[in-house]
């Protein structure tokens, strides 16, 4: 495979995993619960060629708000899908200390049984002049699975300082606040700050501890590494620092269990591509050691941040480049074998239900196909929400399939 083909193939996958899946707003009567709409079972081929798999619509799940992306604040867990945060409107204006458009809901739907569970979540601000304008996390929240029916939620905006454990089995939410101060050592030790549990780079280790890299004090990027201890379910500062403070980095677990940290805003100027860093480090959770390796070929941060990386044996693909661990070398393109068939929309004959653009996201254990369609916002501004309310709802469609 030539370099050009490698690059083209990988760019296709990056585009696929960058699709933002969006949801819907509350109903007009203020009811924020989502609805389950059963279909009559009729299917339609719509004149599409016969060699495609025909689908029969079984159920539609309608969500209350606009939600974000798979593997961020929406995750798939076996036959269930979990949503956290969400937006009641497209927010306008400052969002670093929260926003009225941010939702404070968590929803889990079993896509086979149809059982839904809802929990309320609460984001607290650590800003020294923080307001109480909202307690929602919005679409910048992140969710990790801890174990069966239990999930860790963090992030949502710049100064959010708490994490939460969602236990759907018990119907409980446990708050984990950051009660420690971090002293910035890279900028003269003049900046002491509460740890802000916002959208840092993060990766989970082999023993289910979660490590967070690259956050900021509100003034500067920080070099502190934070760990969520899976066994004790608390936060702690790791006794190793990044070699450079940076915010909005990319962190991914390698096959050998170590964690690679790439790029981020280095504090040298405004948060732009020009002030991003190419720096790359590898952190070892077993002994908390860290080494600097070959820099990423181009500056990378935030808008260039990649939410999905592909890992195989001695390699990892991040953005448009592949890192060969044993060679300590970056190459353009990606030669990792990706199973495109599992992401192939073209083999399905989706019945016409006047959808907004969406995509196939999962095949359930019973063979049913799950399709998620995006929603959108209205053009009318809401003074209450300080944004543009949702116009079209996010919907999850479940189909049975037949040849």
Protein backbone atom coordinates (compact mmCIF):
# COMPACT_ATOMS: atom_id res chain seq x y z
CA UNK A 1 0.00 0.00 0.00
CA UNK A 2 1.47 3.34 -1.00
CA UNK A 3 1.80 6.28 1.38
CA UNK A 4 -0.93 8.13 -0.50
CA UNK A 5 -3.36 5.22 -0.14
CA UNK A 6 -2.49 4.82 3.53
CA UNK A 7 -3.12 8.47 4.15
CA UNK A 8 -6.39 8.50 2.22
CA UNK A 9 -7.68 5.44 4.07
CA UNK A 10 -6.82 6.89 7.45
CA UNK A 11 -8.26 10.29 6.66
CA UNK A 12 -11.53 8.52 5.75
CA UNK A 13 -11.60 6.87 9.18
CA UNK A 14 -10.81 10.11 10.98
CA UNK A 15 -13.72 11.75 9.19
CA UNK A 16 -15.97 8.82 10.15
CA UNK A 17 -15.11 9.00 13.83
CA UNK A 18 -15.36 12.80 13.85
CA UNK A 19 -19.11 12.74 13.06
CA UNK A 20 -21.03 14.57 15.77
CA UNK A 21 -24.19 12.88 16.79
CA UNK A 22 -26.74 15.32 18.14
CA UNK A 23 -29.95 15.13 20.13
CA UNK A 24 -33.07 16.99 20.88
CA UNK A 25 -34.59 19.45 23.34
CA UNK A 26 -37.19 19.13 26.05
CA UNK A 27 -40.83 18.75 24.98
CA UNK A 28 -43.03 21.82 24.98
CA UNK A 29 -44.67 20.93 28.27
CA UNK A 30 -41.31 20.93 30.07
CA UNK A 31 -41.06 17.17 30.43
CA UNK A 32 -37.36 16.33 30.09
CA UNK A 33 -37.81 12.57 29.93
CA UNK A 34 -37.16 10.89 26.61
CA UNK A 35 -39.83 8.96 24.76
CA UNK A 36 -39.88 5.48 23.27
CA UNK A 37 -41.92 5.27 20.08
CA UNK A 38 -42.83 1.80 18.85
CA UNK A 39 -43.13 1.21 15.10
CA UNK A 40 -45.77 -0.91 13.39
CA UNK A 41 -43.06 -3.18 11.95
CA UNK A 42 -43.47 -2.17 8.33
CA UNK A 43 -40.30 -1.90 6.28
CA UNK A 44 -39.61 -0.22 3.00
CA UNK A 45 -37.01 -0.94 0.33
CA UNK A 46 -37.53 2.42 -1.41
CA UNK A 47 -36.32 1.00 -4.71
CA UNK A 48 -32.82 0.34 -3.42
CA UNK A 49 -30.98 -2.62 -4.93
CA UNK A 50 -31.93 -6.07 -3.62
CA UNK A 51 -28.43 -7.18 -2.57
CA UNK A 52 -28.53 -4.84 0.41
CA UNK A 53 -29.72 -6.04 3.81
CA UNK A 54 -33.36 -5.04 4.37
CA UNK A 55 -34.22 -3.56 7.74
CA UNK A 56 -37.47 -3.41 9.70
CA UNK A 57 -37.83 -0.54 12.14
CA UNK A 58 -38.57 -1.83 15.68
CA UNK A 59 -38.14 1.13 18.03
CA UNK A 60 -37.25 4.80 18.12
CA UNK A 61 -35.71 6.38 21.22
CA UNK A 62 -36.09 10.13 21.41
CA UNK A 63 -33.68 12.06 23.65
CA UNK A 64 -34.41 15.31 25.47
CA UNK A 65 -31.34 17.35 24.42
CA UNK A 66 -28.55 17.71 21.90
CA UNK A 67 -25.81 15.26 22.78
CA UNK A 68 -22.28 15.14 21.48
CA UNK A 69 -20.06 12.39 20.12
CA UNK A 70 -19.60 8.66 20.56
CA UNK A 71 -16.63 7.93 22.85
CA UNK A 72 -16.94 11.32 24.49
CA UNK A 73 -20.18 12.10 26.35
CA UNK A 74 -21.97 9.22 24.61
CA UNK A 75 -20.68 5.65 24.96
CA UNK A 76 -21.82 2.22 23.84
CA UNK A 77 -21.71 -0.49 26.50
CA UNK A 78 -22.68 -3.94 25.22
CA UNK A 79 -26.40 -3.60 24.32
CA UNK A 80 -26.84 -0.23 26.04
CA UNK A 81 -26.08 3.36 25.14
CA UNK A 82 -25.28 6.00 27.78
CA UNK A 83 -25.60 9.77 27.39
CA UNK A 84 -24.31 12.39 29.87
CA UNK A 85 -24.57 16.17 29.83
CA UNK A 86 -26.02 17.40 26.59
CA UNK A 87 -27.12 20.86 25.51
CA UNK A 88 -30.59 22.35 25.86
CA UNK A 89 -29.53 24.95 23.30
CA UNK A 90 -26.51 25.87 21.21
CA UNK A 91 -24.72 28.03 23.81
CA UNK A 92 -23.76 31.60 23.05
CA UNK A 93 -21.23 33.69 24.94
CA UNK A 94 -18.80 32.70 27.71
CA UNK A 95 -18.90 29.04 28.74
CA UNK A 96 -15.79 28.68 30.94
CA UNK A 97 -17.81 28.88 34.17
CA UNK A 98 -20.86 26.94 33.03
CA UNK A 99 -23.83 27.99 30.90
CA UNK A 100 -27.65 27.85 31.17
CA UNK A 101 -27.74 25.81 27.96
CA UNK A 102 -25.81 22.94 29.57
CA UNK A 103 -27.93 19.97 30.65
CA UNK A 104 -27.41 18.06 33.90
CA UNK A 105 -28.86 14.69 32.91
CA UNK A 106 -27.48 11.17 32.46
CA UNK A 107 -29.51 8.57 30.53
CA UNK A 108 -28.91 4.86 30.02
CA UNK A 109 -31.02 2.91 27.50
CA UNK A 110 -30.99 -0.86 27.06
CA UNK A 111 -31.58 -1.08 23.32
CA UNK A 112 -32.96 -4.64 23.47
CA UNK A 113 -35.29 -4.50 26.46
CA UNK A 114 -36.14 -0.81 26.04
CA UNK A 115 -35.51 -0.13 29.74
CA UNK A 116 -34.35 3.42 30.39
CA UNK A 117 -32.77 4.88 33.51
CA UNK A 118 -32.16 8.55 34.27
CA UNK A 119 -29.91 10.22 36.84
CA UNK A 120 -29.29 13.88 37.66
CA UNK A 121 -25.68 15.05 37.60
CA UNK A 122 -24.20 18.22 39.05
CA UNK A 123 -21.13 20.17 37.93
CA UNK A 124 -19.55 22.51 40.47
CA UNK A 125 -17.32 25.42 39.53
CA UNK A 126 -13.92 26.16 41.04
CA UNK A 127 -13.59 29.61 39.52
CA UNK A 128 -12.55 32.16 42.19
CA UNK A 129 -15.31 34.47 40.97
CA UNK A 130 -17.58 31.61 39.98
CA UNK A 131 -21.27 32.12 39.49
CA UNK A 132 -24.13 29.70 39.94
CA UNK A 133 -25.59 30.16 36.48
CA UNK A 134 -25.92 26.45 35.84
CA UNK A 135 -24.96 23.05 37.17
CA UNK A 136 -24.98 21.17 33.88
CA UNK A 137 -21.97 19.67 32.12
CA UNK A 138 -23.00 20.04 28.48
CA UNK A 139 -21.41 18.23 25.56
CA UNK A 140 -17.81 18.66 26.69
CA UNK A 141 -18.34 16.07 29.43
CA UNK A 142 -16.55 12.73 29.21
CA UNK A 143 -17.67 9.31 30.45
CA UNK A 144 -15.71 6.15 31.29
CA UNK A 145 -17.08 2.75 32.20
CA UNK A 146 -15.84 1.54 35.60
CA UNK A 147 -17.71 -1.76 35.82
CA UNK A 148 -21.23 -3.10 35.32
CA UNK A 149 -23.75 -0.22 35.40
CA UNK A 150 -21.14 2.14 36.92
CA UNK A 151 -19.49 5.03 35.10
CA UNK A 152 -17.16 7.94 35.85
CA UNK A 153 -18.17 11.35 34.48
CA UNK A 154 -15.95 14.42 34.39
CA UNK A 155 -15.54 17.69 32.54
CA UNK A 156 -18.03 19.99 30.93
CA UNK A 157 -16.37 23.41 31.03
CA UNK A 158 -13.03 24.97 31.94
CA UNK A 159 -13.50 25.49 35.69
CA UNK A 160 -15.56 22.45 36.63
CA UNK A 161 -13.75 20.80 39.54
CA UNK A 162 -15.75 17.72 40.44
CA UNK A 163 -16.20 14.25 39.00
CA UNK A 164 -19.14 11.92 39.58
CA UNK A 165 -19.68 8.17 39.73
CA UNK A 166 -22.99 7.08 38.23
CA UNK A 167 -24.43 3.84 39.60
CA UNK A 168 -27.50 2.95 37.55
CA UNK A 169 -28.06 -0.28 39.52
CA UNK A 170 -28.53 1.68 42.74
CA UNK A 171 -29.88 4.86 41.17
CA UNK A 172 -27.11 6.83 42.87
CA UNK A 173 -24.63 9.54 41.97
CA UNK A 174 -21.47 9.91 44.10
CA UNK A 175 -19.65 13.23 43.98
CA UNK A 176 -15.84 13.30 43.92
CA UNK A 177 -14.50 16.78 44.57
CA UNK A 178 -10.93 17.95 44.17
CA UNK A 179 -10.03 19.27 47.58
CA UNK A 180 -6.33 19.69 46.90
CA UNK A 181 -4.35 22.62 45.57
CA UNK A 182 -1.78 22.35 42.80
CA UNK A 183 1.22 24.68 42.77
CA UNK A 184 2.47 25.59 39.33
CA UNK A 185 6.24 24.99 39.20
CA UNK A 186 6.82 25.83 35.56
CA UNK A 187 5.89 29.50 35.83
CA UNK A 188 7.79 30.44 38.98
CA UNK A 189 5.58 28.71 41.51
CA UNK A 190 3.34 31.76 41.71
CA UNK A 191 0.17 30.06 40.66
CA UNK A 192 -1.69 27.85 43.13
CA UNK A 193 -4.96 26.45 41.86
CA UNK A 194 -7.73 24.02 42.58
CA UNK A 195 -7.55 21.03 40.27
CA UNK A 196 -10.05 21.59 37.49
CA UNK A 197 -11.59 18.33 36.30
CA UNK A 198 -12.45 19.61 32.85
CA UNK A 199 -11.65 18.22 29.42
CA UNK A 200 -8.07 17.09 29.86
CA UNK A 201 -6.43 14.34 27.93
CA UNK A 202 -7.11 11.07 29.74
CA UNK A 203 -6.40 7.38 29.39
CA UNK A 204 -7.26 4.28 31.40
CA UNK A 205 -4.53 1.92 32.59
CA UNK A 206 -4.51 -1.89 32.72
CA UNK A 207 -5.76 -1.89 36.33
CA UNK A 208 -8.60 0.56 35.51
CA UNK A 209 -6.97 3.60 37.09
CA UNK A 210 -7.61 6.68 34.96
CA UNK A 211 -4.82 9.20 34.39
CA UNK A 212 -5.39 12.85 33.44
CA UNK A 213 -2.79 14.95 31.64
CA UNK A 214 -2.63 18.56 30.60
CA UNK A 215 -5.10 20.93 32.24
CA UNK A 216 -4.81 24.62 33.01
CA UNK A 217 -5.04 26.97 35.95
CA UNK A 218 -7.03 29.56 34.07
CA UNK A 219 -3.79 31.36 33.27
CA UNK A 220 -1.25 28.70 32.34
CA UNK A 221 -1.10 25.08 31.21
CA UNK A 222 -0.03 22.75 34.01
CA UNK A 223 2.40 19.83 34.14
CA UNK A 224 0.69 17.93 36.97
CA UNK A 225 -0.63 14.39 36.40
CA UNK A 226 -3.78 13.33 38.27
CA UNK A 227 -4.98 9.77 38.84
CA UNK A 228 -8.46 8.48 39.59
CA UNK A 229 -7.83 5.46 41.81
CA UNK A 230 -10.23 2.72 40.73
CA UNK A 231 -10.08 0.77 44.02
CA UNK A 232 -10.44 3.73 46.39
CA UNK A 233 -12.56 5.81 44.02
CA UNK A 234 -10.73 9.04 44.75
CA UNK A 235 -8.37 11.50 43.08
CA UNK A 236 -4.67 11.82 43.81
CA UNK A 237 -1.66 13.71 42.46
CA UNK A 238 0.95 11.48 40.79
CA UNK A 239 4.53 12.09 41.97
CA UNK A 240 5.72 12.62 38.37
CA UNK A 241 5.23 15.67 36.16
CA UNK A 242 5.02 16.12 32.43
CA UNK A 243 8.24 17.54 30.99
CA UNK A 244 6.18 20.51 29.78
CA UNK A 245 2.90 21.92 31.03
CA UNK A 246 0.23 21.68 28.34
CA UNK A 247 -3.52 21.74 27.99
CA UNK A 248 -5.78 19.95 25.48
CA UNK A 249 -3.27 17.25 24.72
CA UNK A 250 -4.05 13.80 23.31
CA UNK A 251 -3.49 10.71 25.53
CA UNK A 252 -3.86 7.11 24.40
CA UNK A 253 -2.94 3.75 25.92
CA UNK A 254 -0.38 1.72 23.98
CA UNK A 255 -0.54 -2.07 23.63
CA UNK A 256 2.19 -2.47 26.31
CA UNK A 257 0.05 -0.56 28.86
CA UNK A 258 2.02 2.67 28.80
CA UNK A 259 0.30 5.94 27.86
CA UNK A 260 1.45 8.27 25.09
CA UNK A 261 0.75 12.01 25.52
CA UNK A 262 0.86 14.12 22.36
CA UNK A 263 0.74 17.87 21.77
CA UNK A 264 -1.33 20.44 23.61
CA UNK A 265 -1.32 24.19 24.21
CA UNK A 266 2.03 25.09 25.75
CA UNK A 267 1.15 28.56 27.06
CA UNK A 268 3.44 30.43 24.68
CA UNK A 269 0.61 32.53 23.29
CA UNK A 270 -3.08 32.52 22.56
CA UNK A 271 -4.72 29.11 22.17
CA UNK A 272 -4.01 28.75 18.47
CA UNK A 273 -2.25 26.25 16.28
CA UNK A 274 0.82 28.48 16.38
CA UNK A 275 1.12 28.10 20.16
CA UNK A 276 0.58 24.35 20.15
CA UNK A 277 3.47 22.03 20.88
CA UNK A 278 4.78 18.99 19.01
CA UNK A 279 6.05 17.42 22.23
CA UNK A 280 5.41 13.71 22.86
CA UNK A 281 5.97 11.80 26.11
CA UNK A 282 5.31 8.23 27.22
CA UNK A 283 4.10 7.66 30.78
CA UNK A 284 4.42 4.30 32.54
CA UNK A 285 1.61 3.78 35.12
CA UNK A 286 3.50 0.88 36.72
CA UNK A 287 6.29 3.07 38.13
CA UNK A 288 5.06 6.59 37.29
CA UNK A 289 8.08 7.17 35.06
CA UNK A 290 7.92 9.41 32.02
CA UNK A 291 10.20 9.77 29.00
CA UNK A 292 10.24 12.25 26.15
CA UNK A 293 10.26 10.67 22.68
CA UNK A 294 10.35 12.00 19.11
CA UNK A 295 8.13 15.03 18.59
CA UNK A 296 4.90 14.82 16.60
CA UNK A 297 5.53 16.05 13.03
CA UNK A 298 3.26 19.12 13.37
CA UNK A 299 1.88 21.19 16.27
CA UNK A 300 -1.32 19.63 17.57
CA UNK A 301 -3.94 20.76 20.11
CA UNK A 302 -7.65 21.20 20.72
CA UNK A 303 -9.16 21.55 17.24
CA UNK A 304 -6.44 19.22 16.02
CA UNK A 305 -7.05 16.89 18.94
CA UNK A 306 -8.06 13.42 17.78
CA UNK A 307 -10.78 11.70 19.81
CA UNK A 308 -10.12 8.31 18.24
CA UNK A 309 -6.75 6.61 17.77
CA UNK A 310 -5.98 3.18 16.35
CA UNK A 311 -3.55 0.96 18.25
CA UNK A 312 -1.98 -2.26 17.06
CA UNK A 313 1.08 -4.12 18.35
CA UNK A 314 4.03 -1.72 18.09
CA UNK A 315 2.13 1.18 16.50
CA UNK A 316 -0.44 3.86 17.16
CA UNK A 317 -2.11 6.17 14.64
CA UNK A 318 -2.95 9.67 15.87
CA UNK A 319 -4.18 12.29 13.45
CA UNK A 320 -2.48 11.91 10.08
CA UNK A 321 0.56 10.08 11.43
CA UNK A 322 1.58 6.67 12.79
CA UNK A 323 4.07 6.25 15.63
CA UNK A 324 6.30 3.14 15.60
CA UNK A 325 7.15 2.61 19.27
CA UNK A 326 10.21 0.38 18.83
CA UNK A 327 11.69 2.78 16.27
CA UNK A 328 10.69 5.99 18.08
CA UNK A 329 9.58 7.34 14.73
CA UNK A 330 6.51 9.03 13.19
CA UNK A 331 5.41 8.17 9.65
CA UNK A 332 2.72 9.81 7.53
CA UNK A 333 -0.44 7.76 6.99
CA UNK A 334 -1.57 4.65 8.85
CA UNK A 335 -0.90 1.01 7.97
CA UNK A 336 -2.90 -0.46 10.85
CA UNK A 337 -5.48 -2.94 9.55
CA UNK A 338 -8.89 -1.41 10.26
CA UNK A 339 -12.02 -3.49 9.74
CA UNK A 340 -13.95 -1.15 7.47
CA UNK A 341 -16.76 -3.69 7.04
CA UNK A 342 -17.99 -3.09 10.58
CA UNK A 343 -18.46 0.59 9.75
CA UNK A 344 -20.04 0.07 6.31
CA UNK A 345 -23.32 1.97 5.91
CA UNK A 346 -23.73 1.03 2.27
CA UNK A 347 -24.69 -2.59 2.92
CA UNK A 348 -27.89 -1.60 4.75
CA UNK A 349 -31.17 -0.60 3.16
CA UNK A 350 -32.43 1.91 5.72
CA UNK A 351 -36.19 2.52 5.44
CA UNK A 352 -37.07 6.09 4.60
CA UNK A 353 -38.12 7.89 7.77
CA UNK A 354 -37.22 11.46 6.75
CA UNK A 355 -34.04 11.44 8.76
CA UNK A 356 -31.54 14.16 9.34
CA UNK A 357 -28.00 12.99 8.53
CA UNK A 358 -26.93 10.23 10.90
CA UNK A 359 -25.02 6.97 10.86
CA UNK A 360 -24.84 3.30 11.78
CA UNK A 361 -23.25 2.93 15.21
CA UNK A 362 -23.67 -0.64 16.44
CA UNK A 363 -24.92 -4.20 15.88
CA UNK A 364 -26.55 -5.56 19.04
CA UNK A 365 -26.02 -9.07 20.43
CA UNK A 366 -29.37 -10.17 18.96
CA UNK A 367 -28.35 -8.95 15.48
CA UNK A 368 -30.38 -5.75 15.52
CA UNK A 369 -28.85 -2.69 13.85
CA UNK A 370 -28.61 0.63 15.69
CA UNK A 371 -28.68 3.92 13.81
CA UNK A 372 -28.23 7.35 15.40
CA UNK A 373 -29.40 10.50 13.64
CA UNK A 374 -28.26 14.01 14.33
CA UNK A 375 -30.49 16.85 15.42
CA UNK A 376 -30.12 20.58 15.00
CA UNK A 377 -30.79 23.92 16.65
CA UNK A 378 -33.38 26.55 15.85
CA UNK A 379 -32.55 30.01 14.56
CA UNK A 380 -34.50 31.78 17.32
CA UNK A 381 -32.44 32.99 20.28
CA UNK A 382 -33.56 32.17 23.83
CA UNK A 383 -32.76 34.79 26.50
CA UNK A 384 -33.39 32.16 29.20
CA UNK A 385 -30.95 29.63 27.79
CA UNK A 386 -28.59 32.23 26.28
CA UNK A 387 -28.50 30.24 23.08
CA UNK A 388 -30.46 28.71 20.22
CA UNK A 389 -32.82 25.94 21.46
CA UNK A 390 -32.89 22.52 19.83
CA UNK A 391 -35.19 22.29 16.83
CA UNK A 392 -34.89 18.61 15.80
CA UNK A 393 -34.48 15.75 18.30
CA UNK A 394 -31.73 13.19 18.40
CA UNK A 395 -33.22 9.78 17.77
CA UNK A 396 -31.86 6.28 18.14
CA UNK A 397 -33.38 3.80 15.66
CA UNK A 398 -33.28 0.04 16.26
CA UNK A 399 -33.85 -2.24 13.24
CA UNK A 400 -34.12 -5.97 12.77
CA UNK A 401 -32.39 -7.16 9.61
CA UNK A 402 -33.10 -9.76 6.94
CA UNK A 403 -31.45 -10.64 3.65
